[in-house]
Amino acid sequence: MNTKVMNALVYTATREMSYRKEPVPQPREGDVRVKIVASAICGSDMHAYHGKDSRRVAPLILGHEVSGVVMDGKYRGQLMVINPLMTCGQCRDCLAGRSNLCQQRELIGMYLPGAFADQVAISERNLLPVPAGMNPVHASITEPTATALHAVALVERVLTRPLSEARVLVIGGGAIGLLAALILKAKGCVAIDLAETNALRRHNIEQQGAVKCFDPITDGLPAQDSYDVVFDCVGAGVTRLSACSAVRPGGIISHIGLQDTNTGLDIRKITLQEITLLGNYCYSKADMLAAIDMLHLGQLGNLNWIDVRPLSSGARAFDDLHCGNVGAAKIVLQPDSLY
């Protein structure tokens, strides 16, 4: 019987996180253990925290945006990024390069223990190399960067003109929204507006110099039919309605957020004006590798909008995000042993 324990931040009930001792992970066949260096809080972790994710049942160690040092196997001692999405590798979607749609997919921090801990276990084939000298905190946001990059890539396939010519609206200034905007800028898009209701976040976003940021509540909603592409990075009924209003005839709505399942789509406009509605789920391995390169090469800026905190203060970090008391688009937690 294994008696070894580690420090972990555990989701124990709605709006309750507990920093406590937990058993070290027990690798399954093909798994290796990874010593966590940095693990970021995702919007889906917040959904669990709010008790709105039936797939994440307390008590559970959340966290899937992570970089760490491999403890065993052929990559032992190397800093790696974890691809948290484990797939079968054999189905039609996996073989077609669309592993994100694999029906047998698993994710750490969902049904399996996640990365808000000293260690996590993951399939060895889900490890991705980190370039020499890359900041492990920057490496830890590879997963959300890949999600945003995947959404932008899907839009590029549909656009009839180059992305650099498009007028784009991003709804939501969380990590996915900000990263989408930074990726758009890196790809040459110059007309980018971003809607965000949190004043602290707007201030941080404006410092990046990539977008024009506005408050849709006090500044008003965008003019109807005014954007070639709208990225809904919130995914609520009200934001879907705003997206449908703002997109121009023949335009594209990229739906990324998963806040609720309320209505909001103007199906009549989508039909009569030939609006393309794109759903986006996760990323492919190619997206993850491209995201690592973009982050490492500085294509998305200096990333000074990341808030880094010790794991033991994770409960406060979740509460700050819940209350809107933090301007950072991303909070990254690191084991206390690194402080």
C-alpha atoms as a PDB file:
ATOM      1  CA  MET A   1       0.000   0.000   0.000  1.00  0.00           C
ATOM      2  CA  ASN A   2       1.328   3.421  -0.991  1.00  0.00           C
ATOM      3  CA  THR A   3       1.601   5.774   1.999  1.00  0.00           C
ATOM      4  CA  LYS A   4       3.403   8.616   0.283  1.00  0.00           C
ATOM      5  CA  VAL A   5       1.607  11.948   0.200  1.00  0.00           C
ATOM      6  CA  MET A   6       1.984  15.297  -1.535  1.00  0.00           C
ATOM      7  CA  ASN A   7       0.591  18.808  -1.253  1.00  0.00           C
ATOM      8  CA  ALA A   8      -2.504  19.433  -3.345  1.00  0.00           C
ATOM      9  CA  LEU A   9      -5.245  22.012  -3.843  1.00  0.00           C
ATOM     10  CA  VAL A  10      -8.491  20.036  -3.772  1.00  0.00           C
ATOM     11  CA  TYR A  11     -11.948  21.070  -4.932  1.00  0.00           C
ATOM     12  CA  THR A  12     -14.058  19.825  -2.015  1.00  0.00           C
ATOM     13  CA  ALA A  13     -17.451  21.531  -2.492  1.00  0.00           C
ATOM     14  CA  THR A  14     -19.079  24.411  -4.343  1.00  0.00           C
ATOM     15  CA  ARG A  15     -16.860  27.479  -3.877  1.00  0.00           C
ATOM     16  CA  GLU A  16     -14.571  25.520  -1.588  1.00  0.00           C
ATOM     17  CA  MET A  17     -10.911  24.668  -2.219  1.00  0.00           C
ATOM     18  CA  SER A  18      -8.726  22.951   0.379  1.00  0.00           C
ATOM     19  CA  TYR A  19      -4.914  22.888   0.451  1.00  0.00           C
ATOM     20  CA  ARG A  20      -4.061  19.567   2.050  1.00  0.00           C
ATOM     21  CA  LYS A  21      -2.119  16.335   1.851  1.00  0.00           C
ATOM     22  CA  GLU A  22      -3.185  13.830  -0.806  1.00  0.00           C
ATOM     23  CA  PRO A  23      -1.732  10.470  -1.932  1.00  0.00           C
ATOM     24  CA  VAL A  24       0.840  10.795  -4.702  1.00  0.00           C
ATOM     25  CA  PRO A  25      -0.565   9.775  -8.104  1.00  0.00           C
ATOM     26  CA  GLN A  26      -0.494   6.130  -9.097  1.00  0.00           C
ATOM     27  CA  PRO A  27       0.522   5.896 -12.770  1.00  0.00           C
ATOM     28  CA  ARG A  28      -1.516   3.639 -15.030  1.00  0.00           C
ATOM     29  CA  GLU A  29       0.138   1.554 -17.738  1.00  0.00           C
ATOM     30  CA  GLY A  30       2.046   3.896 -20.054  1.00  0.00           C
ATOM     31  CA  ASP A  31       1.929   6.770 -17.572  1.00  0.00           C
ATOM     32  CA  VAL A  32       4.812   8.713 -16.071  1.00  0.00           C
ATOM     33  CA  ARG A  33       4.880  11.034 -13.090  1.00  0.00           C
ATOM     34  CA  VAL A  34       5.540  14.743 -13.590  1.00  0.00           C
ATOM     35  CA  LYS A  35       6.757  17.117 -10.874  1.00  0.00           C
ATOM     36  CA  ILE A  36       4.686  20.259 -11.324  1.00  0.00           C
ATOM     37  CA  VAL A  37       6.481  23.534 -11.930  1.00  0.00           C
ATOM     38  CA  ALA A  38       3.504  25.682 -12.974  1.00  0.00           C
ATOM     39  CA  SER A  39      -0.209  25.030 -13.358  1.00  0.00           C
ATOM     40  CA  ALA A  40      -2.754  27.617 -14.497  1.00  0.00           C
ATOM     41  CA  ILE A  41      -6.396  28.087 -13.513  1.00  0.00           C
ATOM     42  CA  CYS A  42      -8.766  27.508 -16.437  1.00  0.00           C
ATOM     43  CA  GLY A  43     -12.322  28.746 -16.896  1.00  0.00           C
ATOM     44  CA  SER A  44     -13.457  25.123 -16.728  1.00  0.00           C
ATOM     45  CA  ASP A  45     -11.853  24.863 -13.283  1.00  0.00           C
ATOM     46  CA  MET A  46     -13.995  27.838 -12.290  1.00  0.00           C
ATOM     47  CA  HIS A  47     -17.109  26.093 -13.634  1.00  0.00           C
ATOM     48  CA  ALA A  48     -16.345  23.189 -11.306  1.00  0.00           C
ATOM     49  CA  TYR A  49     -15.692  25.609  -8.429  1.00  0.00           C
ATOM     50  CA  HIS A  50     -19.138  27.098  -9.017  1.00  0.00           C
ATOM     51  CA  GLY A  51     -20.705  23.628  -8.937  1.00  0.00           C
ATOM     52  CA  LYS A  52     -21.770  23.863 -12.576  1.00  0.00           C
ATOM     53  CA  ASP A  53     -19.754  21.032 -14.113  1.00  0.00           C
ATOM     54  CA  SER A  54     -21.292  17.596 -13.620  1.00  0.00           C
ATOM     55  CA  ARG A  55     -18.127  15.987 -15.006  1.00  0.00           C
ATOM     56  CA  ARG A  56     -15.974  17.325 -12.186  1.00  0.00           C
ATOM     57  CA  VAL A  57     -17.188  15.839  -8.922  1.00  0.00           C
ATOM     58  CA  ALA A  58     -15.750  16.804  -5.535  1.00  0.00           C
ATOM     59  CA  PRO A  59     -13.403  15.876  -4.007  1.00  0.00           C
ATOM     60  CA  LEU A  60     -11.116  16.307  -6.990  1.00  0.00           C
ATOM     61  CA  ILE A  61      -7.708  17.801  -7.763  1.00  0.00           C
ATOM     62  CA  LEU A  62      -8.407  20.171 -10.639  1.00  0.00           C
ATOM     63  CA  GLY A  63      -5.880  21.669 -13.074  1.00  0.00           C
ATOM     64  CA  HIS A  64      -4.805  20.736 -16.596  1.00  0.00           C
ATOM     65  CA  GLU A  65      -2.759  23.683 -17.914  1.00  0.00           C
ATOM     66  CA  VAL A  66       0.692  22.619 -16.803  1.00  0.00           C
ATOM     67  CA  SER A  67       4.431  22.420 -17.250  1.00  0.00           C
ATOM     68  CA  GLY A  68       6.683  20.234 -15.165  1.00  0.00           C
ATOM     69  CA  VAL A  69       9.761  18.061 -14.885  1.00  0.00           C
ATOM     70  CA  VAL A  70       9.338  14.401 -15.810  1.00  0.00           C
ATOM     71  CA  MET A  71      10.203  12.076 -12.925  1.00  0.00           C
ATOM     72  CA  ASP A  72      10.575   8.765 -14.786  1.00  0.00           C
ATOM     73  CA  GLY A  73      10.545   7.228 -18.247  1.00  0.00           C
ATOM     74  CA  LYS A  74      12.604   8.234 -21.267  1.00  0.00           C
ATOM     75  CA  TYR A  75      12.132  11.977 -20.646  1.00  0.00           C
ATOM     76  CA  ARG A  76      13.231  11.857 -17.020  1.00  0.00           C
ATOM     77  CA  GLY A  77      14.652  15.159 -15.806  1.00  0.00           C
ATOM     78  CA  GLN A  78      13.307  17.189 -18.744  1.00  0.00           C
ATOM     79  CA  LEU A  79      10.966  20.166 -18.486  1.00  0.00           C
ATOM     80  CA  MET A  80       7.892  19.366 -20.566  1.00  0.00           C
ATOM     81  CA  VAL A  81       4.448  20.712 -21.342  1.00  0.00           C
ATOM     82  CA  ILE A  82       1.606  18.306 -20.714  1.00  0.00           C
ATOM     83  CA  ASN A  83      -1.057  17.804 -23.340  1.00  0.00           C
ATOM     84  CA  PRO A  84      -3.846  17.060 -20.855  1.00  0.00           C
ATOM     85  CA  LEU A  85      -6.185  15.611 -23.496  1.00  0.00           C
ATOM     86  CA  MET A  86      -5.639  11.849 -23.653  1.00  0.00           C
ATOM     87  CA  THR A  87      -7.127  10.122 -26.700  1.00  0.00           C
ATOM     88  CA  CYS A  88      -7.207   6.612 -28.142  1.00  0.00           C
ATOM     89  CA  GLY A  89      -5.011   7.381 -31.156  1.00  0.00           C
ATOM     90  CA  GLN A  90      -6.834   4.776 -33.246  1.00  0.00           C
ATOM     91  CA  CYS A  91     -10.325   6.064 -34.082  1.00  0.00           C
ATOM     92  CA  ARG A  92     -11.277   7.850 -37.296  1.00  0.00           C
ATOM     93  CA  ASP A  93     -10.963  11.301 -35.726  1.00  0.00           C
ATOM     94  CA  CYS A  94      -7.578  10.591 -34.142  1.00  0.00           C
ATOM     95  CA  LEU A  95      -6.204   9.204 -37.400  1.00  0.00           C
ATOM     96  CA  ALA A  96      -7.524  12.243 -39.285  1.00  0.00           C
ATOM     97  CA  GLY A  97      -5.651  14.657 -37.002  1.00  0.00           C
ATOM     98  CA  ARG A  98      -8.810  15.643 -35.112  1.00  0.00           C
ATOM     99  CA  SER A  99      -7.985  13.912 -31.847  1.00  0.00           C
ATOM    100  CA  ASN A 100      -9.894  16.598 -29.938  1.00  0.00           C
ATOM    101  CA  LEU A 101     -13.082  14.902 -31.177  1.00  0.00           C
ATOM    102  CA  CYS A 102     -12.077  11.413 -30.012  1.00  0.00           C
ATOM    103  CA  GLN A 103     -15.068   9.816 -28.276  1.00  0.00           C
ATOM    104  CA  GLN A 104     -12.761   8.065 -25.797  1.00  0.00           C
ATOM    105  CA  ARG A 105     -10.920  11.214 -24.728  1.00  0.00           C
ATOM    106  CA  GLU A 106      -9.984  11.799 -21.109  1.00  0.00           C
ATOM    107  CA  LEU A 107      -8.660  14.890 -19.384  1.00  0.00           C
ATOM    108  CA  ILE A 108      -6.664  15.230 -16.205  1.00  0.00           C
ATOM    109  CA  GLY A 109      -8.488  17.383 -13.684  1.00  0.00           C
ATOM    110  CA  MET A 110     -11.861  16.066 -14.833  1.00  0.00           C
ATOM    111  CA  TYR A 111     -12.334  12.410 -13.963  1.00  0.00           C
ATOM    112  CA  LEU A 112      -8.644  11.904 -13.221  1.00  0.00           C
ATOM    113  CA  PRO A 113      -6.592  13.832 -10.624  1.00  0.00           C
ATOM    114  CA  GLY A 114      -5.219  17.053 -12.049  1.00  0.00           C
ATOM    115  CA  ALA A 115      -2.206  19.300 -11.713  1.00  0.00           C
ATOM    116  CA  PHE A 116      -2.955  21.564  -8.738  1.00  0.00           C
ATOM    117  CA  ALA A 117      -0.516  19.443  -6.760  1.00  0.00           C
ATOM    118  CA  ASP A 118       3.151  18.590  -6.398  1.00  0.00           C
ATOM    119  CA  GLN A 119       2.838  15.755  -8.925  1.00  0.00           C
ATOM    120  CA  VAL A 120       0.526  14.434 -11.623  1.00  0.00           C
ATOM    121  CA  ALA A 121       0.455  11.219 -13.658  1.00  0.00           C
ATOM    122  CA  ILE A 122      -0.002  11.358 -17.436  1.00  0.00           C
ATOM    123  CA  SER A 123       0.565   9.165 -20.465  1.00  0.00           C
ATOM    124  CA  GLU A 124       4.145   9.511 -21.663  1.00  0.00           C
ATOM    125  CA  ARG A 125       2.930  10.189 -25.209  1.00  0.00           C
ATOM    126  CA  ASN A 126       1.176  13.316 -23.913  1.00  0.00           C
ATOM    127  CA  LEU A 127       4.457  15.062 -23.096  1.00  0.00           C
ATOM    128  CA  LEU A 128       5.633  17.874 -25.359  1.00  0.00           C
ATOM    129  CA  PRO A 129       9.197  19.259 -25.311  1.00  0.00           C
ATOM    130  CA  VAL A 130       9.879  22.764 -24.034  1.00  0.00           C
ATOM    131  CA  PRO A 131      12.566  24.786 -25.863  1.00  0.00           C
ATOM    132  CA  ALA A 132      15.738  25.420 -23.893  1.00  0.00           C
ATOM    133  CA  GLY A 133      15.461  28.504 -21.727  1.00  0.00           C
ATOM    134  CA  MET A 134      11.679  28.827 -21.976  1.00  0.00           C
ATOM    135  CA  ASN A 135       9.997  30.212 -18.873  1.00  0.00           C
ATOM    136  CA  PRO A 136       7.991  27.324 -17.342  1.00  0.00           C
ATOM    137  CA  VAL A 137       5.235  29.757 -16.329  1.00  0.00           C
ATOM    138  CA  HIS A 138       4.851  30.764 -19.968  1.00  0.00           C
ATOM    139  CA  ALA A 139       4.965  27.098 -20.963  1.00  0.00           C
ATOM    140  CA  SER A 140       2.082  26.352 -18.589  1.00  0.00           C
ATOM    141  CA  ILE A 141      -0.350  28.436 -20.664  1.00  0.00           C
ATOM    142  CA  THR A 142       0.323  26.394 -23.803  1.00  0.00           C
ATOM    143  CA  GLU A 143      -3.057  24.658 -23.491  1.00  0.00           C
ATOM    144  CA  PRO A 144      -5.256  27.803 -23.526  1.00  0.00           C
ATOM    145  CA  THR A 145      -3.014  29.290 -26.229  1.00  0.00           C
ATOM    146  CA  ALA A 146      -3.589  26.164 -28.332  1.00  0.00           C
ATOM    147  CA  THR A 147      -7.346  26.480 -27.763  1.00  0.00           C
ATOM    148  CA  ALA A 148      -7.328  30.070 -29.037  1.00  0.00           C
ATOM    149  CA  LEU A 149      -5.000  29.163 -31.907  1.00  0.00           C
ATOM    150  CA  HIS A 150      -7.287  26.286 -32.923  1.00  0.00           C
ATOM    151  CA  ALA A 151     -10.262  28.670 -33.059  1.00  0.00           C
ATOM    152  CA  VAL A 152      -8.364  31.206 -35.156  1.00  0.00           C
ATOM    153  CA  ALA A 153      -7.184  28.464 -37.521  1.00  0.00           C
ATOM    154  CA  LEU A 154     -10.762  27.254 -38.070  1.00  0.00           C
ATOM    155  CA  VAL A 155     -11.807  30.797 -38.945  1.00  0.00           C
ATOM    156  CA  GLU A 156      -8.925  31.147 -41.403  1.00  0.00           C
ATOM    157  CA  ARG A 157     -10.177  28.089 -43.301  1.00  0.00           C
ATOM    158  CA  VAL A 158     -13.566  29.729 -43.870  1.00  0.00           C
ATOM    159  CA  LEU A 159     -12.617  33.358 -44.572  1.00  0.00           C
ATOM    160  CA  THR A 160     -12.769  34.374 -48.213  1.00  0.00           C
ATOM    161  CA  ARG A 161     -10.197  37.134 -47.698  1.00  0.00           C
ATOM    162  CA  PRO A 162      -6.989  37.226 -45.595  1.00  0.00           C
ATOM    163  CA  LEU A 163      -7.418  37.504 -41.839  1.00  0.00           C
ATOM    164  CA  SER A 164      -5.328  40.678 -41.890  1.00  0.00           C
ATOM    165  CA  GLU A 165      -8.162  42.411 -43.776  1.00  0.00           C
ATOM    166  CA  ALA A 166     -10.900  41.357 -41.373  1.00  0.00           C
ATOM    167  CA  ARG A 167     -12.555  43.521 -38.750  1.00  0.00           C
ATOM    168  CA  VAL A 168     -12.787  41.339 -35.645  1.00  0.00           C
ATOM    169  CA  LEU A 169     -14.701  41.470 -32.370  1.00  0.00           C
ATOM    170  CA  VAL A 170     -13.591  39.371 -29.396  1.00  0.00           C
ATOM    171  CA  ILE A 171     -16.185  39.000 -26.623  1.00  0.00           C
ATOM    172  CA  GLY A 172     -14.591  38.264 -23.244  1.00  0.00           C
ATOM    173  CA  GLY A 173     -11.183  39.315 -21.919  1.00  0.00           C
ATOM    174  CA  GLY A 174     -10.253  36.153 -20.058  1.00  0.00           C
ATOM    175  CA  ALA A 175      -7.240  34.115 -21.112  1.00  0.00           C
ATOM    176  CA  ILE A 176      -8.843  32.663 -24.256  1.00  0.00           C
ATOM    177  CA  GLY A 177     -10.150  36.034 -25.392  1.00  0.00           C
ATOM    178  CA  LEU A 178      -6.886  37.864 -24.762  1.00  0.00           C
ATOM    179  CA  LEU A 179      -4.829  35.078 -26.342  1.00  0.00           C
ATOM    180  CA  ALA A 180      -7.127  35.047 -29.383  1.00  0.00           C
ATOM    181  CA  ALA A 181      -6.604  38.794 -29.745  1.00  0.00           C
ATOM    182  CA  LEU A 182      -2.815  38.463 -29.409  1.00  0.00           C
ATOM    183  CA  ILE A 183      -2.774  35.639 -31.963  1.00  0.00           C
ATOM    184  CA  LEU A 184      -4.875  37.727 -34.361  1.00  0.00           C
ATOM    185  CA  LYS A 185      -2.430  40.606 -33.986  1.00  0.00           C
ATOM    186  CA  ALA A 186       0.528  38.278 -34.592  1.00  0.00           C
ATOM    187  CA  LYS A 187      -1.172  37.149 -37.800  1.00  0.00           C
ATOM    188  CA  GLY A 188      -1.449  40.709 -39.055  1.00  0.00           C
ATOM    189  CA  CYS A 189      -4.985  41.610 -38.046  1.00  0.00           C
ATOM    190  CA  VAL A 190      -5.123  45.321 -37.184  1.00  0.00           C
ATOM    191  CA  ALA A 191      -8.836  45.993 -36.553  1.00  0.00           C
ATOM    192  CA  ILE A 192      -9.534  44.122 -33.302  1.00  0.00           C
ATOM    193  CA  ASP A 193     -12.080  45.222 -30.687  1.00  0.00           C
ATOM    194  CA  LEU A 194     -12.484  43.404 -27.381  1.00  0.00           C
ATOM    195  CA  ALA A 195     -15.548  43.561 -25.117  1.00  0.00           C
ATOM    196  CA  GLU A 196     -14.884  43.039 -21.387  1.00  0.00           C
ATOM    197  CA  THR A 197     -17.012  44.116 -18.429  1.00  0.00           C
ATOM    198  CA  ASN A 198     -14.293  43.861 -15.737  1.00  0.00           C
ATOM    199  CA  ALA A 199     -12.477  47.203 -15.402  1.00  0.00           C
ATOM    200  CA  LEU A 200      -9.332  45.604 -13.951  1.00  0.00           C
ATOM    201  CA  ARG A 201      -9.071  43.249 -16.896  1.00  0.00           C
ATOM    202  CA  ARG A 202      -9.701  46.049 -19.393  1.00  0.00           C
ATOM    203  CA  HIS A 203      -6.800  47.996 -17.896  1.00  0.00           C
ATOM    204  CA  ASN A 204      -4.449  45.011 -18.201  1.00  0.00           C
ATOM    205  CA  ILE A 205      -5.582  44.267 -21.749  1.00  0.00           C
ATOM    206  CA  GLU A 206      -5.098  47.850 -22.855  1.00  0.00           C
ATOM    207  CA  GLN A 207      -1.475  47.673 -21.687  1.00  0.00           C
ATOM    208  CA  GLN A 208      -0.806  45.041 -24.358  1.00  0.00           C
ATOM    209  CA  GLY A 209      -1.506  47.501 -27.166  1.00  0.00           C
ATOM    210  CA  ALA A 210      -3.087  44.813 -29.311  1.00  0.00           C
ATOM    211  CA  VAL A 211      -6.757  45.750 -29.237  1.00  0.00           C
ATOM    212  CA  LYS A 212      -9.275  48.472 -28.591  1.00  0.00           C
ATOM    213  CA  CYS A 213     -10.997  47.411 -25.359  1.00  0.00           C
ATOM    214  CA  PHE A 214     -14.465  48.572 -24.299  1.00  0.00           C
ATOM    215  CA  ASP A 215     -17.155  47.862 -21.714  1.00  0.00           C
ATOM    216  CA  PRO A 216     -20.310  46.635 -23.504  1.00  0.00           C
ATOM    217  CA  ILE A 217     -22.437  47.713 -20.521  1.00  0.00           C
ATOM    218  CA  THR A 218     -21.358  51.363 -20.191  1.00  0.00           C
ATOM    219  CA  ASP A 219     -20.014  51.962 -23.697  1.00  0.00           C
ATOM    220  CA  GLY A 220     -22.854  50.196 -25.466  1.00  0.00           C
ATOM    221  CA  LEU A 221     -22.988  47.257 -27.821  1.00  0.00           C
ATOM    222  CA  PRO A 222     -21.227  47.332 -31.204  1.00  0.00           C
ATOM    223  CA  ALA A 223     -23.160  48.489 -34.248  1.00  0.00           C
ATOM    224  CA  GLN A 224     -25.150  45.792 -35.993  1.00  0.00           C
ATOM    225  CA  ASP A 225     -23.585  44.021 -38.968  1.00  0.00           C
ATOM    226  CA  SER A 226     -20.171  45.604 -38.335  1.00  0.00           C
ATOM    227  CA  TYR A 227     -17.682  42.712 -37.947  1.00  0.00           C
ATOM    228  CA  ASP A 228     -16.394  40.113 -40.367  1.00  0.00           C
ATOM    229  CA  VAL A 229     -15.573  37.748 -37.488  1.00  0.00           C
ATOM    230  CA  VAL A 230     -16.836  37.548 -33.909  1.00  0.00           C
ATOM    231  CA  PHE A 231     -15.128  35.314 -31.330  1.00  0.00           C
ATOM    232  CA  ASP A 232     -17.490  34.554 -28.440  1.00  0.00           C
ATOM    233  CA  CYS A 233     -15.089  33.568 -25.674  1.00  0.00           C
ATOM    234  CA  VAL A 234     -17.777  33.687 -22.993  1.00  0.00           C
ATOM    235  CA  GLY A 235     -20.475  31.440 -24.420  1.00  0.00           C
ATOM    236  CA  ALA A 236     -23.538  32.825 -22.640  1.00  0.00           C
ATOM    237  CA  GLY A 237     -26.975  33.518 -24.065  1.00  0.00           C
ATOM    238  CA  VAL A 238     -26.409  37.275 -23.905  1.00  0.00           C
ATOM    239  CA  THR A 239     -23.015  37.088 -25.638  1.00  0.00           C
ATOM    240  CA  ARG A 240     -24.384  34.814 -28.371  1.00  0.00           C
ATOM    241  CA  LEU A 241     -27.100  37.383 -28.992  1.00  0.00           C
ATOM    242  CA  SER A 242     -24.482  40.151 -29.164  1.00  0.00           C
ATOM    243  CA  ALA A 243     -22.376  38.096 -31.562  1.00  0.00           C
ATOM    244  CA  CYS A 244     -25.322  37.501 -33.867  1.00  0.00           C
ATOM    245  CA  SER A 245     -26.111  41.202 -33.876  1.00  0.00           C
ATOM    246  CA  ALA A 246     -22.539  42.356 -34.504  1.00  0.00           C
ATOM    247  CA  VAL A 247     -21.567  39.948 -37.293  1.00  0.00           C
ATOM    248  CA  ARG A 248     -22.016  41.204 -40.839  1.00  0.00           C
ATOM    249  CA  PRO A 249     -23.742  39.286 -43.668  1.00  0.00           C
ATOM    250  CA  GLY A 250     -21.518  36.448 -44.817  1.00  0.00           C
ATOM    251  CA  GLY A 251     -19.453  36.738 -41.634  1.00  0.00           C
ATOM    252  CA  ILE A 252     -18.291  34.182 -39.081  1.00  0.00           C
ATOM    253  CA  ILE A 253     -19.150  33.569 -35.428  1.00  0.00           C
ATOM    254  CA  SER A 254     -16.534  31.496 -33.616  1.00  0.00           C
ATOM    255  CA  HIS A 255     -18.133  30.068 -30.474  1.00  0.00           C
ATOM    256  CA  ILE A 256     -15.509  29.079 -27.886  1.00  0.00           C
ATOM    257  CA  GLY A 257     -16.956  29.795 -24.452  1.00  0.00           C
ATOM    258  CA  LEU A 258     -19.102  27.340 -22.479  1.00  0.00           C
ATOM    259  CA  GLN A 259     -20.666  29.484 -19.777  1.00  0.00           C
ATOM    260  CA  ASP A 260     -24.267  28.307 -20.230  1.00  0.00           C
ATOM    261  CA  THR A 261     -26.732  26.605 -22.561  1.00  0.00           C
ATOM    262  CA  ASN A 262     -29.265  29.433 -22.728  1.00  0.00           C
ATOM    263  CA  THR A 263     -30.611  30.530 -26.076  1.00  0.00           C
ATOM    264  CA  GLY A 264     -29.223  33.566 -27.877  1.00  0.00           C
ATOM    265  CA  LEU A 265     -28.617  32.538 -31.460  1.00  0.00           C
ATOM    266  CA  ASP A 266     -30.547  34.485 -34.091  1.00  0.00           C
ATOM    267  CA  ILE A 267     -31.162  31.494 -36.353  1.00  0.00           C
ATOM    268  CA  ARG A 268     -33.140  33.597 -38.847  1.00  0.00           C
ATOM    269  CA  LYS A 269     -30.197  35.975 -39.367  1.00  0.00           C
ATOM    270  CA  ILE A 270     -27.714  33.105 -39.515  1.00  0.00           C
ATOM    271  CA  THR A 271     -29.797  31.502 -42.272  1.00  0.00           C
ATOM    272  CA  LEU A 272     -30.830  34.547 -44.328  1.00  0.00           C
ATOM    273  CA  GLN A 273     -27.412  36.223 -44.188  1.00  0.00           C
ATOM    274  CA  GLU A 274     -25.322  33.057 -44.586  1.00  0.00           C
ATOM    275  CA  ILE A 275     -23.505  33.470 -41.288  1.00  0.00           C
ATOM    276  CA  THR A 276     -21.030  30.693 -40.549  1.00  0.00           C
ATOM    277  CA  LEU A 277     -21.235  29.411 -36.955  1.00  0.00           C
ATOM    278  CA  LEU A 278     -18.119  27.549 -35.834  1.00  0.00           C
ATOM    279  CA  GLY A 279     -17.993  25.441 -32.696  1.00  0.00           C
ATOM    280  CA  ASN A 280     -14.547  25.035 -31.146  1.00  0.00           C
ATOM    281  CA  TYR A 281     -13.400  22.310 -28.795  1.00  0.00           C
ATOM    282  CA  CYS A 282      -9.877  22.106 -27.423  1.00  0.00           C
ATOM    283  CA  TYR A 283      -7.005  21.624 -29.884  1.00  0.00           C
ATOM    284  CA  SER A 284      -4.853  19.119 -31.741  1.00  0.00           C
ATOM    285  CA  LYS A 285      -1.261  18.153 -30.974  1.00  0.00           C
ATOM    286  CA  ALA A 286      -0.227  20.381 -33.879  1.00  0.00           C
ATOM    287  CA  ASP A 287      -1.989  23.313 -32.193  1.00  0.00           C
ATOM    288  CA  MET A 288      -0.124  22.584 -28.943  1.00  0.00           C
ATOM    289  CA  LEU A 289       3.258  22.500 -30.669  1.00  0.00           C
ATOM    290  CA  ALA A 290       2.539  25.709 -32.587  1.00  0.00           C
ATOM    291  CA  ALA A 291       1.401  27.375 -29.347  1.00  0.00           C
ATOM    292  CA  ILE A 292       4.668  26.477 -27.609  1.00  0.00           C
ATOM    293  CA  ASP A 293       6.611  28.083 -30.453  1.00  0.00           C
ATOM    294  CA  MET A 294       4.497  31.263 -30.433  1.00  0.00           C
ATOM    295  CA  LEU A 295       4.922  31.686 -26.693  1.00  0.00           C
ATOM    296  CA  HIS A 296       8.640  30.929 -26.712  1.00  0.00           C
ATOM    297  CA  LEU A 297       9.422  33.209 -29.669  1.00  0.00           C
ATOM    298  CA  GLY A 298       7.632  36.159 -28.090  1.00  0.00           C
ATOM    299  CA  GLN A 299       5.012  36.424 -30.821  1.00  0.00           C
ATOM    300  CA  LEU A 300       2.331  37.035 -28.186  1.00  0.00           C
ATOM    301  CA  GLY A 301       4.213  39.731 -26.305  1.00  0.00           C
ATOM    302  CA  ASN A 302       5.947  39.651 -22.940  1.00  0.00           C
ATOM    303  CA  LEU A 303       3.064  37.855 -21.159  1.00  0.00           C
ATOM    304  CA  ASN A 304       3.364  40.201 -18.181  1.00  0.00           C
ATOM    305  CA  TRP A 305      -0.384  39.913 -17.665  1.00  0.00           C
ATOM    306  CA  ILE A 306       0.052  36.516 -15.955  1.00  0.00           C
ATOM    307  CA  ASP A 307      -0.405  36.527 -12.156  1.00  0.00           C
ATOM    308  CA  VAL A 308       1.836  33.927 -10.434  1.00  0.00           C
ATOM    309  CA  ARG A 309       0.986  32.684  -6.935  1.00  0.00           C
ATOM    310  CA  PRO A 310       1.975  29.810  -4.590  1.00  0.00           C
ATOM    311  CA  LEU A 311      -0.263  26.747  -4.631  1.00  0.00           C
ATOM    312  CA  SER A 312      -1.076  27.171  -0.937  1.00  0.00           C
ATOM    313  CA  SER A 313      -2.845  30.454  -1.791  1.00  0.00           C
ATOM    314  CA  GLY A 314      -4.936  28.752  -4.472  1.00  0.00           C
ATOM    315  CA  ALA A 315      -8.202  29.008  -2.536  1.00  0.00           C
ATOM    316  CA  ARG A 316      -7.771  32.794  -2.413  1.00  0.00           C
ATOM    317  CA  ALA A 317      -6.965  32.836  -6.133  1.00  0.00           C
ATOM    318  CA  PHE A 318     -10.232  31.048  -6.948  1.00  0.00           C
ATOM    319  CA  ASP A 319     -12.163  33.445  -4.734  1.00  0.00           C
ATOM    320  CA  ASP A 320     -10.489  36.466  -6.342  1.00  0.00           C
ATOM    321  CA  LEU A 321     -11.491  35.192  -9.776  1.00  0.00           C
ATOM    322  CA  HIS A 322     -15.031  34.548  -8.571  1.00  0.00           C
ATOM    323  CA  CYS A 323     -15.345  38.077  -7.146  1.00  0.00           C
ATOM    324  CA  GLY A 324     -13.659  39.769 -10.122  1.00  0.00           C
ATOM    325  CA  ASN A 325     -10.937  41.150  -7.866  1.00  0.00           C
ATOM    326  CA  VAL A 326      -8.059  40.336 -10.199  1.00  0.00           C
ATOM    327  CA  GLY A 327      -7.140  42.023 -13.458  1.00  0.00           C
ATOM    328  CA  ALA A 328      -4.931  39.211 -14.742  1.00  0.00           C
ATOM    329  CA  ALA A 329      -6.390  37.135 -17.542  1.00  0.00           C
ATOM    330  CA  LYS A 330      -4.581  34.111 -16.105  1.00  0.00           C
ATOM    331  CA  ILE A 331      -3.484  33.030 -12.628  1.00  0.00           C
ATOM    332  CA  VAL A 332      -0.691  30.436 -12.513  1.00  0.00           C
ATOM    333  CA  LEU A 333      -0.042  28.438  -9.349  1.00  0.00           C
ATOM    334  CA  GLN A 334       3.369  27.031  -8.424  1.00  0.00           C
ATOM    335  CA  PRO A 335       4.277  24.526  -5.696  1.00  0.00           C
ATOM    336  CA  ASP A 336       5.343  26.229  -2.497  1.00  0.00           C
ATOM    337  CA  SER A 337       8.657  24.389  -2.653  1.00  0.00           C
ATOM    338  CA  LEU A 338       9.656  26.760  -5.482  1.00  0.00           C
ATOM    339  CA  TYR A 339       9.350  29.815  -3.210  1.00  0.00           C
END
